[in-house]
C-alpha atoms as a PDB file:
ATOM      1  CA  MET A   1     -16.329  -0.935  -2.231  1.00  0.00           C
ATOM      2  CA  LYS A   2     -14.622  -1.305   1.579  1.00  0.00           C
ATOM      3  CA  PHE A   3     -13.049   1.428   3.440  1.00  0.00           C
ATOM      4  CA  GLY A   4     -10.320   1.200   5.865  1.00  0.00           C
ATOM      5  CA  PHE A   5      -7.182   2.723   7.537  1.00  0.00           C
ATOM      6  CA  HIS A   6      -3.541   1.845   8.225  1.00  0.00           C
ATOM      7  CA  ILE A   7      -4.374   0.878  12.282  1.00  0.00           C
ATOM      8  CA  SER A   8      -1.587   1.067  14.986  1.00  0.00           C
ATOM      9  CA  ILE A   9      -0.269  -1.816  16.980  1.00  0.00           C
ATOM     10  CA  SER A  10       0.236   0.006  20.066  1.00  0.00           C
ATOM     11  CA  GLY A  11      -0.390  -2.186  22.832  1.00  0.00           C
ATOM     12  CA  GLY A  12      -0.513  -4.985  20.698  1.00  0.00           C
ATOM     13  CA  PHE A  13      -2.527  -7.180  18.262  1.00  0.00           C
ATOM     14  CA  GLY A  14      -5.538  -7.505  20.488  1.00  0.00           C
ATOM     15  CA  ARG A  15      -6.399  -3.896  20.369  1.00  0.00           C
ATOM     16  CA  VAL A  16      -6.256  -3.375  16.742  1.00  0.00           C
ATOM     17  CA  VAL A  17      -9.674  -4.203  15.660  1.00  0.00           C
ATOM     18  CA  GLU A  18     -11.583  -2.271  18.434  1.00  0.00           C
ATOM     19  CA  ARG A  19      -9.430   1.004  17.197  1.00  0.00           C
ATOM     20  CA  ALA A  20     -10.877  -0.106  13.413  1.00  0.00           C
ATOM     21  CA  LYS A  21     -14.602  -0.650  14.764  1.00  0.00           C
ATOM     22  CA  ILE A  22     -14.074   2.796  16.103  1.00  0.00           C
ATOM     23  CA  ARG A  23     -13.125   3.632  12.716  1.00  0.00           C
ATOM     24  CA  GLY A  24     -15.923   2.268  10.779  1.00  0.00           C
ATOM     25  CA  CYS A  25     -13.504   0.216   8.724  1.00  0.00           C
ATOM     26  CA  ASP A  26     -14.122  -2.647   6.693  1.00  0.00           C
ATOM     27  CA  THR A  27     -10.998  -3.277   6.094  1.00  0.00           C
ATOM     28  CA  ILE A  28      -7.238  -2.553   7.550  1.00  0.00           C
ATOM     29  CA  GLN A  29      -3.962  -2.249   6.783  1.00  0.00           C
ATOM     30  CA  LEU A  30      -0.889  -2.598   9.820  1.00  0.00           C
ATOM     31  CA  PHE A  31       2.693  -2.866   9.951  1.00  0.00           C
ATOM     32  CA  SER A  32       3.464  -5.991  11.782  1.00  0.00           C
ATOM     33  CA  ARG A  33       6.195  -4.475  13.773  1.00  0.00           C
ATOM     34  CA  ASN A  34       7.960  -1.461  14.685  1.00  0.00           C
ATOM     35  CA  PRO A  35       8.404   0.372  11.329  1.00  0.00           C
ATOM     36  CA  ARG A  36      11.490   2.597  11.861  1.00  0.00           C
ATOM     37  CA  GLY A  37      13.415  -0.505  13.326  1.00  0.00           C
ATOM     38  CA  TRP A  38      15.510  -3.303  12.255  1.00  0.00           C
ATOM     39  CA  ARG A  39      14.506  -5.318  15.768  1.00  0.00           C
ATOM     40  CA  TYR A  40      11.133  -7.212  16.345  1.00  0.00           C
ATOM     41  CA  SER A  41       9.758  -9.564  18.557  1.00  0.00           C
ATOM     42  CA  PRO A  42       8.201 -12.635  17.509  1.00  0.00           C
ATOM     43  CA  LEU A  43       3.924 -13.140  17.411  1.00  0.00           C
ATOM     44  CA  LYS A  44       2.392 -14.121  20.281  1.00  0.00           C
ATOM     45  CA  GLU A  45       0.225 -16.631  19.793  1.00  0.00           C
ATOM     46  CA  GLU A  46      -2.274 -15.122  22.397  1.00  0.00           C
ATOM     47  CA  GLU A  47      -2.320 -11.951  20.790  1.00  0.00           C
ATOM     48  CA  ILE A  48      -2.672 -13.557  17.440  1.00  0.00           C
ATOM     49  CA  GLU A  49      -5.693 -15.764  18.332  1.00  0.00           C
ATOM     50  CA  LYS A  50      -7.869 -12.718  19.947  1.00  0.00           C
ATOM     51  CA  PHE A  51      -7.053 -10.627  16.529  1.00  0.00           C
ATOM     52  CA  LYS A  52      -8.009 -13.364  14.650  1.00  0.00           C
ATOM     53  CA  GLN A  53     -11.318 -13.785  16.084  1.00  0.00           C
ATOM     54  CA  ASN A  54     -11.912  -9.737  16.719  1.00  0.00           C
ATOM     55  CA  ARG A  55     -11.359  -9.606  13.204  1.00  0.00           C
ATOM     56  CA  LYS A  56     -13.867 -12.477  12.398  1.00  0.00           C
ATOM     57  CA  THR A  57     -16.447 -11.404  14.230  1.00  0.00           C
ATOM     58  CA  CYS A  58     -16.320  -7.881  13.136  1.00  0.00           C
ATOM     59  CA  GLY A  59     -16.414  -9.283   9.449  1.00  0.00           C
ATOM     60  CA  ILE A  60     -13.442  -7.357   8.864  1.00  0.00           C
ATOM     61  CA  ASP A  61     -11.715  -8.113   5.789  1.00  0.00           C
ATOM     62  CA  PRO A  62      -9.096  -8.500   3.788  1.00  0.00           C
ATOM     63  CA  VAL A  63      -6.078  -7.263   6.146  1.00  0.00           C
ATOM     64  CA  PHE A  64      -3.427  -5.822   4.895  1.00  0.00           C
ATOM     65  CA  THR A  65       0.282  -5.563   6.560  1.00  0.00           C
ATOM     66  CA  HIS A  66       2.947  -3.298   5.428  1.00  0.00           C
ATOM     67  CA  LEU A  67       6.593  -3.516   4.971  1.00  0.00           C
ATOM     68  CA  PRO A  68       8.459  -1.208   7.381  1.00  0.00           C
ATOM     69  CA  TYR A  69      10.151   1.802   6.304  1.00  0.00           C
ATOM     70  CA  LEU A  70      13.734   0.984   6.332  1.00  0.00           C
ATOM     71  CA  PRO A  71      13.906  -2.011   3.488  1.00  0.00           C
ATOM     72  CA  ASN A  72      15.219  -0.706   0.444  1.00  0.00           C
ATOM     73  CA  LEU A  73      14.339  -3.685  -2.200  1.00  0.00           C
ATOM     74  CA  ALA A  74      16.532  -1.269  -5.098  1.00  0.00           C
ATOM     75  CA  SER A  75      19.638  -0.268  -3.052  1.00  0.00           C
ATOM     76  CA  PRO A  76      22.962  -0.363  -4.484  1.00  0.00           C
ATOM     77  CA  LYS A  77      24.683  -1.215  -1.372  1.00  0.00           C
ATOM     78  CA  SER A  78      25.178  -4.936  -0.658  1.00  0.00           C
ATOM     79  CA  ASP A  79      24.674  -4.937   2.918  1.00  0.00           C
ATOM     80  CA  LEU A  80      21.379  -2.803   3.037  1.00  0.00           C
ATOM     81  CA  LEU A  81      20.013  -4.859   0.349  1.00  0.00           C
ATOM     82  CA  ARG A  82      20.561  -7.896   1.990  1.00  0.00           C
ATOM     83  CA  ILE A  83      19.160  -7.051   5.135  1.00  0.00           C
ATOM     84  CA  SER A  84      16.246  -5.506   2.752  1.00  0.00           C
ATOM     85  CA  ILE A  85      15.562  -8.745   1.530  1.00  0.00           C
ATOM     86  CA  PHE A  86      15.440 -10.447   4.743  1.00  0.00           C
ATOM     87  CA  THR A  87      12.923  -8.080   6.409  1.00  0.00           C
ATOM     88  CA  LEU A  88      11.129  -8.986   2.837  1.00  0.00           C
ATOM     89  CA  GLU A  89      10.713 -12.590   3.812  1.00  0.00           C
ATOM     90  CA  GLU A  90      10.172 -12.282   7.253  1.00  0.00           C
ATOM     91  CA  GLU A  91       6.860  -9.833   6.395  1.00  0.00           C
ATOM     92  CA  LEU A  92       5.712 -12.351   4.200  1.00  0.00           C
ATOM     93  CA  ARG A  93       6.015 -15.069   7.637  1.00  0.00           C
ATOM     94  CA  ARG A  94       4.522 -12.869   9.511  1.00  0.00           C
ATOM     95  CA  ALA A  95       1.580 -11.628   7.040  1.00  0.00           C
ATOM     96  CA  LYS A  96       0.651 -15.688   6.610  1.00  0.00           C
ATOM     97  CA  ILE A  97       0.626 -16.120  10.524  1.00  0.00           C
ATOM     98  CA  LEU A  98      -1.693 -12.837  11.249  1.00  0.00           C
ATOM     99  CA  GLY A  99      -4.257 -14.191   8.603  1.00  0.00           C
ATOM    100  CA  ALA A 100      -3.227 -11.510   6.332  1.00  0.00           C
ATOM    101  CA  ASP A 101      -3.225 -12.263   2.563  1.00  0.00           C
ATOM    102  CA  PHE A 102      -1.318  -9.472   1.360  1.00  0.00           C
ATOM    103  CA  VAL A 103       1.945  -7.687   1.978  1.00  0.00           C
ATOM    104  CA  VAL A 104       2.598  -3.816   0.512  1.00  0.00           C
ATOM    105  CA  ALA A 105       5.933  -2.641   0.097  1.00  0.00           C
ATOM    106  CA  HIS A 106       7.572   0.417  -1.588  1.00  0.00           C
ATOM    107  CA  MET A 107       9.912  -0.612  -3.990  1.00  0.00           C
ATOM    108  CA  GLY A 108      12.795   1.866  -2.702  1.00  0.00           C
ATOM    109  CA  ALA A 109      15.137   3.884  -3.912  1.00  0.00           C
ATOM    110  CA  LYS A 110      17.780   3.684  -6.183  1.00  0.00           C
ATOM    111  CA  LEU A 111      20.580   6.319  -5.058  1.00  0.00           C
ATOM    112  CA  ASP A 112      23.003   7.325  -7.465  1.00  0.00           C
ATOM    113  CA  SER A 113      22.952   4.083  -9.412  1.00  0.00           C
ATOM    114  CA  PRO A 114      20.859   3.850 -12.959  1.00  0.00           C
ATOM    115  CA  LEU A 115      17.574   3.048 -13.219  1.00  0.00           C
ATOM    116  CA  GLU A 116      18.085  -0.344 -14.998  1.00  0.00           C
ATOM    117  CA  LYS A 117      20.112  -2.106 -12.331  1.00  0.00           C
ATOM    118  CA  ALA A 118      17.718  -0.618  -9.353  1.00  0.00           C
ATOM    119  CA  ILE A 119      14.775  -2.560 -11.261  1.00  0.00           C
ATOM    120  CA  SER A 120      17.083  -5.891 -11.410  1.00  0.00           C
ATOM    121  CA  ARG A 121      17.791  -5.164  -8.384  1.00  0.00           C
ATOM    122  CA  ILE A 122      14.240  -5.001  -6.952  1.00  0.00           C
ATOM    123  CA  SER A 123      13.123  -7.914  -9.461  1.00  0.00           C
ATOM    124  CA  ASP A 124      15.950 -10.056  -7.951  1.00  0.00           C
ATOM    125  CA  SER A 125      15.117  -9.552  -4.287  1.00  0.00           C
ATOM    126  CA  ILE A 126      11.579 -10.133  -4.783  1.00  0.00           C
ATOM    127  CA  ASN A 127      12.819 -13.692  -6.545  1.00  0.00           C
ATOM    128  CA  THR A 128      14.780 -14.578  -3.643  1.00  0.00           C
ATOM    129  CA  ALA A 129      12.291 -13.480  -1.137  1.00  0.00           C
ATOM    130  CA  PHE A 130       9.640 -15.575  -2.818  1.00  0.00           C
ATOM    131  CA  GLY A 131      11.972 -18.882  -3.099  1.00  0.00           C
ATOM    132  CA  ASN A 132      13.270 -18.735   0.228  1.00  0.00           C
ATOM    133  CA  VAL A 133       9.349 -18.344   1.419  1.00  0.00           C
ATOM    134  CA  LYS A 134       6.469 -20.907  -0.486  1.00  0.00           C
ATOM    135  CA  ASN A 135       3.425 -19.300   1.122  1.00  0.00           C
ATOM    136  CA  ASN A 136       0.308 -18.154  -0.712  1.00  0.00           C
ATOM    137  CA  VAL A 137       0.746 -14.500   0.381  1.00  0.00           C
ATOM    138  CA  ILE A 138       0.461 -12.084  -2.435  1.00  0.00           C
ATOM    139  CA  LEU A 139       3.183  -8.979  -2.869  1.00  0.00           C
ATOM    140  CA  LEU A 140       1.528  -5.374  -3.206  1.00  0.00           C
ATOM    141  CA  LEU A 141       3.855  -3.411  -5.093  1.00  0.00           C
ATOM    142  CA  GLU A 142       3.241   0.384  -4.421  1.00  0.00           C
ATOM    143  CA  ASN A 143       3.646   2.809  -6.902  1.00  0.00           C
ATOM    144  CA  THR A 144       5.646   6.211  -5.363  1.00  0.00           C
ATOM    145  CA  ALA A 145       5.703  10.262  -5.982  1.00  0.00           C
ATOM    146  CA  GLY A 146       8.958   9.959  -7.455  1.00  0.00           C
ATOM    147  CA  GLU A 147      10.542  11.933  -4.274  1.00  0.00           C
ATOM    148  CA  GLY A 148      14.622  11.962  -4.608  1.00  0.00           C
ATOM    149  CA  SER A 149      15.755   9.101  -6.120  1.00  0.00           C
ATOM    150  CA  GLU A 150      12.737   6.725  -5.118  1.00  0.00           C
ATOM    151  CA  VAL A 151      11.571   4.179  -8.143  1.00  0.00           C
ATOM    152  CA  GLY A 152       7.905   3.256  -9.074  1.00  0.00           C
ATOM    153  CA  ASP A 153       6.251   6.714  -9.911  1.00  0.00           C
ATOM    154  CA  ARG A 154       5.671   5.429 -13.681  1.00  0.00           C
ATOM    155  CA  PHE A 155       3.866   2.707 -14.323  1.00  0.00           C
ATOM    156  CA  SER A 156       6.436   1.268 -17.377  1.00  0.00           C
ATOM    157  CA  VAL A 157       9.241   1.123 -14.900  1.00  0.00           C
ATOM    158  CA  ILE A 158       6.573  -0.769 -12.115  1.00  0.00           C
ATOM    159  CA  ARG A 159       6.485  -3.000 -15.557  1.00  0.00           C
ATOM    160  CA  GLY A 160       9.640  -3.441 -16.144  1.00  0.00           C
ATOM    161  CA  VAL A 161       9.946  -4.886 -12.030  1.00  0.00           C
ATOM    162  CA  ILE A 162       6.984  -7.305 -12.865  1.00  0.00           C
ATOM    163  CA  ASP A 163       8.181  -8.692 -16.329  1.00  0.00           C
ATOM    164  CA  ARG A 164      11.150 -10.195 -14.122  1.00  0.00           C
ATOM    165  CA  ILE A 165       9.508 -11.690 -11.231  1.00  0.00           C
ATOM    166  CA  ASP A 166       9.414 -15.344 -11.690  1.00  0.00           C
ATOM    167  CA  ASP A 167       6.005 -16.328  -9.757  1.00  0.00           C
ATOM    168  CA  LYS A 168       3.815 -13.407 -11.411  1.00  0.00           C
ATOM    169  CA  GLY A 169       0.958 -15.623  -9.447  1.00  0.00           C
ATOM    170  CA  ARG A 170       2.118 -13.883  -6.126  1.00  0.00           C
ATOM    171  CA  VAL A 171       2.550  -9.897  -7.049  1.00  0.00           C
ATOM    172  CA  GLY A 172       0.104  -7.599  -7.781  1.00  0.00           C
ATOM    173  CA  MET A 173      -0.443  -3.496  -7.208  1.00  0.00           C
ATOM    174  CA  CYS A 174      -1.576  -1.336  -5.023  1.00  0.00           C
ATOM    175  CA  LEU A 175      -2.249   2.382  -6.438  1.00  0.00           C
ATOM    176  CA  ASP A 176      -1.623   5.563  -3.798  1.00  0.00           C
ATOM    177  CA  THR A 177      -3.563   7.860  -5.146  1.00  0.00           C
ATOM    178  CA  ALA A 178      -1.623  10.750  -3.750  1.00  0.00           C
ATOM    179  CA  HIS A 179       1.141   9.386  -5.217  1.00  0.00           C
ATOM    180  CA  ALA A 180       0.484   8.789  -8.578  1.00  0.00           C
ATOM    181  CA  PHE A 181      -1.210  12.833  -8.563  1.00  0.00           C
ATOM    182  CA  GLU A 182       2.258  13.768  -6.998  1.00  0.00           C
ATOM    183  CA  ALA A 183       4.111  11.947  -9.751  1.00  0.00           C
ATOM    184  CA  GLY A 184       2.354  13.818 -12.471  1.00  0.00           C
ATOM    185  CA  TYR A 185      -0.619  11.331 -12.849  1.00  0.00           C
ATOM    186  CA  ASP A 186      -4.103  13.834 -13.333  1.00  0.00           C
ATOM    187  CA  LEU A 187      -6.509  12.853 -10.893  1.00  0.00           C
ATOM    188  CA  SER A 188      -7.893  15.638  -9.996  1.00  0.00           C
ATOM    189  CA  THR A 189     -10.527  15.477 -13.236  1.00  0.00           C
ATOM    190  CA  GLU A 190     -12.789  12.680 -14.788  1.00  0.00           C
ATOM    191  CA  LYS A 191     -10.760  12.939 -18.173  1.00  0.00           C
ATOM    192  CA  GLY A 192      -7.497  12.567 -15.684  1.00  0.00           C
ATOM    193  CA  ILE A 193      -8.822   9.523 -13.592  1.00  0.00           C
ATOM    194  CA  SER A 194      -9.861   8.046 -17.242  1.00  0.00           C
ATOM    195  CA  ASP A 195      -6.545   8.520 -18.627  1.00  0.00           C
ATOM    196  CA  THR A 196      -4.532   6.987 -15.711  1.00  0.00           C
ATOM    197  CA  LEU A 197      -6.417   3.838 -15.376  1.00  0.00           C
ATOM    198  CA  LYS A 198      -5.975   3.089 -19.280  1.00  0.00           C
ATOM    199  CA  GLU A 199      -2.520   3.444 -19.053  1.00  0.00           C
ATOM    200  CA  PHE A 200      -2.433   1.515 -15.913  1.00  0.00           C
ATOM    201  CA  ASP A 201      -4.553  -0.983 -17.697  1.00  0.00           C
ATOM    202  CA  ASP A 202      -2.723  -0.826 -20.838  1.00  0.00           C
ATOM    203  CA  THR A 203       1.126  -0.834 -18.985  1.00  0.00           C
ATOM    204  CA  ILE A 204       0.049  -3.150 -15.947  1.00  0.00           C
ATOM    205  CA  GLY A 205      -2.902  -4.608 -16.155  1.00  0.00           C
ATOM    206  CA  LEU A 206      -5.970  -3.744 -13.866  1.00  0.00           C
ATOM    207  CA  GLU A 207      -6.377  -7.273 -13.252  1.00  0.00           C
ATOM    208  CA  ILE A 208      -3.254  -7.652 -10.506  1.00  0.00           C
ATOM    209  CA  LEU A 209      -4.850  -4.263  -8.613  1.00  0.00           C
ATOM    210  CA  TYR A 210      -5.549  -5.081  -5.441  1.00  0.00           C
ATOM    211  CA  LEU A 211      -5.541  -2.180  -3.755  1.00  0.00           C
ATOM    212  CA  LEU A 212      -6.295   1.817  -3.576  1.00  0.00           C
ATOM    213  CA  HIS A 213      -4.629   3.680  -0.782  1.00  0.00           C
ATOM    214  CA  LEU A 214      -7.133   6.070  -0.888  1.00  0.00           C
ATOM    215  CA  ASN A 215      -5.199   9.583   0.004  1.00  0.00           C
ATOM    216  CA  ASP A 216      -5.595  13.642  -0.831  1.00  0.00           C
ATOM    217  CA  SER A 217      -2.360  15.283  -1.630  1.00  0.00           C
ATOM    218  CA  LYS A 218      -1.231  18.267  -0.332  1.00  0.00           C
ATOM    219  CA  THR A 219       1.353  18.951  -2.608  1.00  0.00           C
ATOM    220  CA  PRO A 220       0.436  19.763  -6.668  1.00  0.00           C
ATOM    221  CA  LEU A 221      -0.016  17.775  -9.450  1.00  0.00           C
ATOM    222  CA  GLY A 222       3.461  16.609 -10.343  1.00  0.00           C
ATOM    223  CA  SER A 223       5.911  17.726  -7.555  1.00  0.00           C
ATOM    224  CA  HIS A 224       7.545  14.633  -6.711  1.00  0.00           C
ATOM    225  CA  ARG A 225       6.638  15.702  -3.264  1.00  0.00           C
ATOM    226  CA  ASP A 226       4.988  12.727  -0.841  1.00  0.00           C
ATOM    227  CA  LEU A 227       2.673  14.381   1.156  1.00  0.00           C
ATOM    228  CA  HIS A 228      -0.713  12.851   2.060  1.00  0.00           C
ATOM    229  CA  TRP A 229      -3.953  15.352   2.967  1.00  0.00           C
ATOM    230  CA  HIS A 230      -7.607  14.555   3.772  1.00  0.00           C
ATOM    231  CA  ILE A 231      -9.834  13.136   1.771  1.00  0.00           C
ATOM    232  CA  GLY A 232     -11.435  16.277  -0.307  1.00  0.00           C
ATOM    233  CA  GLU A 233      -9.360  18.889   1.276  1.00  0.00           C
ATOM    234  CA  GLY A 234      -6.033  18.896  -1.035  1.00  0.00           C
ATOM    235  CA  TYR A 235      -4.917  19.154  -4.832  1.00  0.00           C
ATOM    236  CA  ILE A 236      -6.949  15.872  -5.838  1.00  0.00           C
ATOM    237  CA  GLY A 237     -10.124  17.430  -4.734  1.00  0.00           C
ATOM    238  CA  LEU A 238     -13.532  16.503  -3.772  1.00  0.00           C
ATOM    239  CA  GLU A 239     -15.251  15.862  -6.857  1.00  0.00           C
ATOM    240  CA  SER A 240     -12.522  13.598  -8.116  1.00  0.00           C
ATOM    241  CA  PHE A 241     -12.709  11.439  -5.135  1.00  0.00           C
ATOM    242  CA  ARG A 242     -16.562  10.744  -5.872  1.00  0.00           C
ATOM    243  CA  ASN A 243     -15.478   9.947  -9.443  1.00  0.00           C
ATOM    244  CA  ILE A 244     -13.098   7.869  -7.983  1.00  0.00           C
ATOM    245  CA  VAL A 245     -14.996   5.753  -5.424  1.00  0.00           C
ATOM    246  CA  ASN A 246     -18.235   4.743  -8.326  1.00  0.00           C
ATOM    247  CA  CYS A 247     -15.737   4.367 -10.754  1.00  0.00           C
ATOM    248  CA  PRO A 248     -17.110   0.899 -12.215  1.00  0.00           C
ATOM    249  CA  LEU A 249     -13.338  -0.222 -12.971  1.00  0.00           C
ATOM    250  CA  LEU A 250     -12.897   0.258  -8.981  1.00  0.00           C
ATOM    251  CA  SER A 251     -15.768  -0.522  -7.269  1.00  0.00           C
ATOM    252  CA  HIS A 252     -14.654  -3.974  -6.246  1.00  0.00           C
ATOM    253  CA  LEU A 253     -11.462  -3.046  -4.460  1.00  0.00           C
ATOM    254  CA  PRO A 254     -10.726  -2.774  -0.695  1.00  0.00           C
ATOM    255  CA  CYS A 255      -9.507   1.342   0.080  1.00  0.00           C
ATOM    256  CA  ILE A 256      -7.051   2.003   2.594  1.00  0.00           C
ATOM    257  CA  MET A 257      -6.970   5.617   3.765  1.00  0.00           C
ATOM    258  CA  GLU A 258      -3.410   6.966   5.113  1.00  0.00           C
ATOM    259  CA  THR A 259      -4.065  10.889   6.128  1.00  0.00           C
ATOM    260  CA  PRO A 260      -3.700  12.916   8.562  1.00  0.00           C
ATOM    261  CA  ARG A 261      -4.012  11.781  12.339  1.00  0.00           C
ATOM    262  CA  LYS A 262      -3.989  13.677  15.136  1.00  0.00           C
ATOM    263  CA  ASN A 263      -6.787  11.051  17.087  1.00  0.00           C
ATOM    264  CA  GLU A 264      -9.850   9.317  15.839  1.00  0.00           C
ATOM    265  CA  GLU A 265     -11.612  12.032  15.012  1.00  0.00           C
ATOM    266  CA  ASP A 266      -9.883  12.337  12.065  1.00  0.00           C
ATOM    267  CA  ASP A 267     -10.121   9.565  10.758  1.00  0.00           C
ATOM    268  CA  ILE A 268     -13.921   9.403  11.778  1.00  0.00           C
ATOM    269  CA  LYS A 269     -13.826  12.694   9.615  1.00  0.00           C
ATOM    270  CA  ASN A 270     -12.439  10.809   6.669  1.00  0.00           C
ATOM    271  CA  MET A 271     -14.608   7.641   6.700  1.00  0.00           C
ATOM    272  CA  LYS A 272     -17.516   9.743   6.704  1.00  0.00           C
ATOM    273  CA  THR A 273     -16.460  11.873   4.070  1.00  0.00           C
ATOM    274  CA  VAL A 274     -15.608   9.014   1.519  1.00  0.00           C
ATOM    275  CA  ARG A 275     -18.740   6.913   2.616  1.00  0.00           C
ATOM    276  CA  GLY A 276     -20.605  10.140   1.832  1.00  0.00           C
ATOM    277  CA  LEU A 277     -19.400  10.306  -2.171  1.00  0.00           C
ATOM    278  CA  ILE A 278     -21.055   6.854  -2.636  1.00  0.00           C
ATOM    279  CA  THR A 279     -23.903   7.430  -5.146  1.00  0.00           C
ATOM    280  CA  LYS A 280     -23.913   3.447  -6.374  1.00  0.00           C
END
């Protein structure tokens, strides 16, 4: 099992691998651009080549990019939906340039529209993006906590989106442990983990699970409040993370932590904790 963090691109891509090394990362996730705005700058060839060479030297693989926060592929508002699709298309292009094999994306919020229509908008948006950007980058849909009108807290809903995607070879899943717990999947017990994975496999299929977002939850089971916490210090708990990282069904997966960070010491602490749980 490989472990890593979401790494800041502040100061340029040339600094990403250095930050990853300090944290002991085998794998990383990053934004390819400012995640809180619509505008972006073209990727600089010199920086990208340095990033690629550094990650090759350090053996960091795979690399995941994450769609910015603003896009909403479920939006009933036509202008927002249009720019959201454009942003997804651009992210698929940028991931390819960076040498990232995967883009992680939240599916968005339905606002006041019916769920079924939101599901159709999400899948239609992805089909449009795949039609306009023909590369081999795989889009990973991330489950949600179900906060507000977020789409994707239930595995059955995610299955509904995937069923409507034409090129299923280009779509997979990212399972966030905090989001699943906050959505009502009890990962705090061994039985709960087993039941959750069985439902996931029966509904979506473990064969298209490419990534774990390994986060504890600061809020209780079924809270539908998305608040990540340090590994073993939240409501999921240390022993459950021991069960998760040693689970034979998950042991081949890369894990990205998105735990709270005041400074690099927080990440180093979480990395030490999670590596100390491996028993197999």
